[in-house]
C-alpha atoms as a PDB file:
ATOM      1  CA  MET A   1     -13.590 -11.957  -7.798  1.00  0.00           C
ATOM      2  CA  LEU A   2     -14.929 -15.330  -8.875  1.00  0.00           C
ATOM      3  CA  THR A   3     -16.429 -16.209  -5.492  1.00  0.00           C
ATOM      4  CA  ARG A   4     -17.742 -12.657  -4.962  1.00  0.00           C
ATOM      5  CA  THR A   5     -16.328 -12.512  -1.438  1.00  0.00           C
ATOM      6  CA  GLY A   6     -13.990  -9.855  -0.115  1.00  0.00           C
ATOM      7  CA  ILE A   7     -13.010  -6.683  -1.885  1.00  0.00           C
ATOM      8  CA  PHE A   8     -11.579  -6.607  -5.394  1.00  0.00           C
ATOM      9  CA  ASP A   9      -9.825  -3.538  -6.767  1.00  0.00           C
ATOM     10  CA  ILE A  10      -8.159  -2.843 -10.079  1.00  0.00           C
ATOM     11  CA  ASP A  11      -4.813  -2.492  -8.299  1.00  0.00           C
ATOM     12  CA  ASP A  12      -5.081  -6.210  -7.421  1.00  0.00           C
ATOM     13  CA  ILE A  13      -4.721  -6.986 -11.115  1.00  0.00           C
ATOM     14  CA  PHE A  14      -1.726  -4.660 -11.422  1.00  0.00           C
ATOM     15  CA  ASN A  15       0.002  -6.009  -8.288  1.00  0.00           C
ATOM     16  CA  ASN A  16      -0.574  -9.653  -9.221  1.00  0.00           C
ATOM     17  CA  ALA A  17       0.605  -9.110 -12.792  1.00  0.00           C
ATOM     18  CA  LEU A  18       3.730  -7.291 -11.598  1.00  0.00           C
ATOM     19  CA  GLY A  19       4.427 -10.041  -9.044  1.00  0.00           C
ATOM     20  CA  ALA A  20       4.017 -12.734 -11.689  1.00  0.00           C
ATOM     21  CA  LEU A  21       6.302 -10.831 -14.077  1.00  0.00           C
ATOM     22  CA  ILE A  22       8.992 -10.417 -11.398  1.00  0.00           C
ATOM     23  CA  GLY A  23       8.686 -14.079 -10.365  1.00  0.00           C
ATOM     24  CA  TYR A  24       8.912 -15.284 -13.957  1.00  0.00           C
ATOM     25  CA  GLY A  25      11.900 -13.015 -14.566  1.00  0.00           C
ATOM     26  CA  ALA A  26      13.676 -14.289 -11.440  1.00  0.00           C
ATOM     27  CA  VAL A  27      13.170 -17.942 -12.424  1.00  0.00           C
ATOM     28  CA  MET A  28      14.275 -17.330 -16.002  1.00  0.00           C
ATOM     29  CA  ALA A  29      17.330 -15.361 -14.772  1.00  0.00           C
ATOM     30  CA  VAL A  30      18.383 -18.287 -12.572  1.00  0.00           C
ATOM     31  CA  LEU A  31      17.829 -20.734 -15.435  1.00  0.00           C
ATOM     32  CA  SER A  32      19.827 -18.543 -17.841  1.00  0.00           C
ATOM     33  CA  ILE A  33      22.706 -18.426 -15.333  1.00  0.00           C
ATOM     34  CA  ILE A  34      22.675 -22.200 -14.858  1.00  0.00           C
ATOM     35  CA  LYS A  35      22.434 -23.152 -18.551  1.00  0.00           C
ATOM     36  CA  PRO A  36      25.368 -22.396 -20.828  1.00  0.00           C
ATOM     37  CA  VAL A  37      23.762 -19.888 -23.214  1.00  0.00           C
ATOM     38  CA  LYS A  38      25.317 -17.336 -25.528  1.00  0.00           C
ATOM     39  CA  GLY A  39      24.736 -13.769 -24.290  1.00  0.00           C
ATOM     40  CA  LYS A  40      24.100 -14.955 -20.735  1.00  0.00           C
ATOM     41  CA  VAL A  41      24.645 -11.585 -19.053  1.00  0.00           C
ATOM     42  CA  LEU A  42      22.348  -9.685 -21.414  1.00  0.00           C
ATOM     43  CA  LYS A  43      19.568 -12.265 -21.044  1.00  0.00           C
ATOM     44  CA  THR A  44      19.914 -12.314 -17.260  1.00  0.00           C
ATOM     45  CA  VAL A  45      19.679  -8.514 -17.050  1.00  0.00           C
ATOM     46  CA  GLY A  46      16.720  -8.619 -19.430  1.00  0.00           C
ATOM     47  CA  PHE A  47      14.895 -11.143 -17.271  1.00  0.00           C
ATOM     48  CA  LEU A  48      15.657  -9.143 -14.128  1.00  0.00           C
ATOM     49  CA  SER A  49      14.590  -5.822 -15.684  1.00  0.00           C
ATOM     50  CA  PRO A  50      11.045  -5.835 -14.147  1.00  0.00           C
ATOM     51  CA  LEU A  51      12.612  -6.312 -10.713  1.00  0.00           C
ATOM     52  CA  ILE A  52      15.252  -3.649 -11.371  1.00  0.00           C
ATOM     53  CA  VAL A  53      12.655  -1.142 -12.612  1.00  0.00           C
ATOM     54  CA  THR A  54      10.375  -1.825  -9.621  1.00  0.00           C
ATOM     55  CA  VAL A  55      13.210  -1.435  -7.101  1.00  0.00           C
ATOM     56  CA  ALA A  56      14.393   1.755  -8.839  1.00  0.00           C
ATOM     57  CA  ALA A  57      10.857   3.200  -8.829  1.00  0.00           C
ATOM     58  CA  PHE A  58      10.303   2.502  -5.131  1.00  0.00           C
ATOM     59  CA  THR A  59      13.759   3.836  -4.275  1.00  0.00           C
ATOM     60  CA  GLY A  60      12.947   7.028  -6.171  1.00  0.00           C
ATOM     61  CA  ILE A  61       9.621   7.368  -4.352  1.00  0.00           C
ATOM     62  CA  PHE A  62      11.221   6.903  -0.925  1.00  0.00           C
ATOM     63  CA  VAL A  63      14.056   9.325  -1.707  1.00  0.00           C
ATOM     64  CA  CYS A  64      11.570  11.905  -2.998  1.00  0.00           C
ATOM     65  CA  TYR A  65       9.386  11.687   0.103  1.00  0.00           C
ATOM     66  CA  SER A  66      12.303  11.723   2.532  1.00  0.00           C
ATOM     67  CA  ASN A  67      13.624  14.940   0.944  1.00  0.00           C
ATOM     68  CA  LYS A  68      10.285  16.766   1.306  1.00  0.00           C
ATOM     69  CA  GLU A  69       9.798  19.142   4.202  1.00  0.00           C
ATOM     70  CA  PHE A  70       7.268  16.978   6.001  1.00  0.00           C
ATOM     71  CA  GLY A  71       7.815  13.782   4.010  1.00  0.00           C
ATOM     72  CA  ASN A  72       5.294  11.019   3.943  1.00  0.00           C
ATOM     73  CA  ASN A  73       4.316  10.187   7.530  1.00  0.00           C
ATOM     74  CA  SER A  74       7.533  11.720   8.736  1.00  0.00           C
ATOM     75  CA  TYR A  75       8.867  10.608  12.062  1.00  0.00           C
ATOM     76  CA  ALA A  76      11.202  13.551  12.633  1.00  0.00           C
ATOM     77  CA  TYR A  77       9.512  16.742  13.735  1.00  0.00           C
ATOM     78  CA  ASN A  78      10.781  20.156  12.696  1.00  0.00           C
ATOM     79  CA  TYR A  79      10.103  22.027  15.924  1.00  0.00           C
ATOM     80  CA  LYS A  80       9.107  21.407  19.534  1.00  0.00           C
ATOM     81  CA  LEU A  81       6.284  23.010  21.477  1.00  0.00           C
ATOM     82  CA  ASP A  82       6.404  23.304  25.244  1.00  0.00           C
ATOM     83  CA  LEU A  83       2.889  22.415  26.399  1.00  0.00           C
ATOM     84  CA  LYS A  84       3.761  22.176  30.073  1.00  0.00           C
ATOM     85  CA  ASN A  85       1.921  25.387  31.039  1.00  0.00           C
ATOM     86  CA  THR A  86      -1.036  24.902  28.704  1.00  0.00           C
ATOM     87  CA  ARG A  87      -4.497  25.415  30.191  1.00  0.00           C
ATOM     88  CA  ILE A  88      -7.515  23.754  28.614  1.00  0.00           C
ATOM     89  CA  GLU A  89     -11.032  24.988  29.338  1.00  0.00           C
ATOM     90  CA  LEU A  90     -14.183  23.213  28.332  1.00  0.00           C
ATOM     91  CA  ASN A  91     -17.424  25.197  28.486  1.00  0.00           C
ATOM     92  CA  ILE A  92     -20.044  22.533  27.911  1.00  0.00           C
ATOM     93  CA  SER A  93     -22.534  20.794  30.143  1.00  0.00           C
ATOM     94  CA  LEU A  94     -23.388  17.144  29.885  1.00  0.00           C
ATOM     95  CA  LYS A  95     -26.901  15.762  30.258  1.00  0.00           C
ATOM     96  CA  ASP A  96     -27.681  13.820  33.396  1.00  0.00           C
ATOM     97  CA  ASN A  97     -29.719  11.150  31.612  1.00  0.00           C
ATOM     98  CA  LYS A  98     -28.073   8.695  29.261  1.00  0.00           C
ATOM     99  CA  ASP A  99     -29.486   8.183  25.800  1.00  0.00           C
ATOM    100  CA  LEU A 100     -29.213   4.869  24.033  1.00  0.00           C
ATOM    101  CA  VAL A 101     -27.975   5.257  20.512  1.00  0.00           C
ATOM    102  CA  PRO A 102     -27.758   2.590  17.813  1.00  0.00           C
ATOM    103  CA  ILE A 103     -24.406   1.371  16.634  1.00  0.00           C
ATOM    104  CA  TYR A 104     -23.840   1.758  12.917  1.00  0.00           C
ATOM    105  CA  LYS A 105     -24.352  -1.447  11.005  1.00  0.00           C
ATOM    106  CA  ALA A 106     -23.869  -1.668   7.266  1.00  0.00           C
ATOM    107  CA  PRO A 107     -26.981  -2.772   5.414  1.00  0.00           C
ATOM    108  CA  THR A 108     -27.101  -6.279   4.024  1.00  0.00           C
ATOM    109  CA  TYR A 109     -28.577  -6.995   0.637  1.00  0.00           C
ATOM    110  CA  SER A 110     -29.812 -10.091  -1.127  1.00  0.00           C
ATOM    111  CA  LYS A 111     -28.176 -11.145  -4.363  1.00  0.00           C
ATOM    112  CA  ASP A 112     -30.959  -9.564  -6.420  1.00  0.00           C
ATOM    113  CA  GLU A 113     -30.793  -6.272  -4.539  1.00  0.00           C
ATOM    114  CA  ALA A 114     -27.006  -6.104  -4.848  1.00  0.00           C
ATOM    115  CA  VAL A 115     -27.043  -6.679  -8.621  1.00  0.00           C
ATOM    116  CA  SER A 116     -29.637  -4.028  -9.387  1.00  0.00           C
END
């Protein structure tokens, strides 16, 4: 975002904040296990709660999708089709001469054009 290169989305902020929160919680959980502190178990679970909530959310998402009829990008099909005796007909004619067509190229803008 600062260098204005690449693509920046709002989910980058969410993902980075969640990653930082999980990393901080993991480090603090290890430190609370190592140091003799009163209420060690409760503090450790508290520090690991972002990780636990994230894992539980993703587990719920995967379980939900795997129980749907077609799922999310399912790999198991529900029925087979025998296409061995399928006949395909194409009723078009192609031109004899070849046309040159341009390849799509995204427009480039100067800094002033991009800001306005």
